[in-house]
């Protein structure tokens, strides 16, 4: 007979992708970011640190909100 598949205890693949960390140089080479976003990240990210995509997007938002005020 068929058995019910047990859910994996591992994180879903989509969560693993979003938790990947990237360097400042990798964001600069990204095809998913506009040139404006790349320029902002080049200005605000540190060279020797890595960031998730969410962290990078948060830095962009903070920069844009700071400039608008």
Protein backbone atom coordinates (compact mmCIF):
# COMPACT_ATOMS: atom_id res chain seq x y z
CA UNK A 1 0.00 0.00 0.00
CA UNK A 2 0.93 3.62 -0.26
CA UNK A 3 2.30 5.35 2.78
CA UNK A 4 2.04 8.98 3.68
CA UNK A 5 5.26 10.81 2.99
CA UNK A 6 6.76 12.31 6.12
CA UNK A 7 7.81 15.97 5.86
CA UNK A 8 11.53 16.56 5.80
CA UNK A 9 12.97 18.02 8.98
CA UNK A 10 15.34 20.08 6.83
CA UNK A 11 14.51 23.61 5.79
CA UNK A 12 12.67 23.96 2.49
CA UNK A 13 14.89 24.68 -0.49
CA UNK A 14 13.47 28.18 -0.92
CA UNK A 15 14.47 29.06 2.63
CA UNK A 16 17.97 27.73 2.10
CA UNK A 17 18.39 29.94 -0.96
CA UNK A 18 17.27 33.05 0.90
CA UNK A 19 19.68 32.27 3.74
CA UNK A 20 22.70 32.15 1.44
CA UNK A 21 25.21 34.89 2.08
CA UNK A 22 26.94 36.93 -0.61
CA UNK A 23 29.89 39.28 -0.67
CA UNK A 24 29.85 42.90 -1.81
CA UNK A 25 31.55 41.83 -5.07
CA UNK A 26 28.92 39.18 -5.74
CA UNK A 27 26.13 41.74 -5.37
CA UNK A 28 28.00 44.00 -7.81
CA UNK A 29 27.94 41.21 -10.41
CA UNK A 30 24.29 40.28 -9.83
CA UNK A 31 21.92 40.33 -12.78
CA UNK A 32 18.94 40.65 -10.45
CA UNK A 33 19.84 44.12 -9.21
CA UNK A 34 19.54 47.41 -11.06
CA UNK A 35 22.62 49.57 -11.51
CA UNK A 36 21.21 52.00 -8.92
CA UNK A 37 20.83 49.21 -6.36
CA UNK A 38 24.37 48.01 -7.12
CA UNK A 39 25.71 51.55 -6.59
CA UNK A 40 23.91 51.84 -3.25
CA UNK A 41 25.23 48.49 -2.07
CA UNK A 42 28.74 49.42 -3.19
CA UNK A 43 28.51 52.47 -0.93
CA UNK A 44 26.97 50.88 2.15
CA UNK A 45 28.23 47.28 2.34
CA UNK A 46 31.53 46.35 3.97
CA UNK A 47 34.21 44.56 1.94
CA UNK A 48 34.93 41.71 4.36
CA UNK A 49 31.32 40.92 5.29
CA UNK A 50 28.68 38.72 3.69
CA UNK A 51 24.98 39.49 3.50
CA UNK A 52 21.73 37.71 2.70
CA UNK A 53 19.52 39.07 -0.07
CA UNK A 54 17.08 40.31 2.57
CA UNK A 55 19.85 42.15 4.42
CA UNK A 56 21.00 43.79 1.19
CA UNK A 57 17.44 44.86 0.37
CA UNK A 58 17.11 46.30 3.87
CA UNK A 59 20.30 48.32 3.36
CA UNK A 60 18.90 49.67 0.09
CA UNK A 61 15.61 50.66 1.78
CA UNK A 62 17.42 52.36 4.67
CA UNK A 63 19.59 54.29 2.26
CA UNK A 64 16.63 55.39 0.14
CA UNK A 65 14.61 56.44 3.21
CA UNK A 66 17.57 58.34 4.64
CA UNK A 67 18.08 60.26 1.40
CA UNK A 68 14.37 61.12 1.13
CA UNK A 69 14.21 62.81 4.54
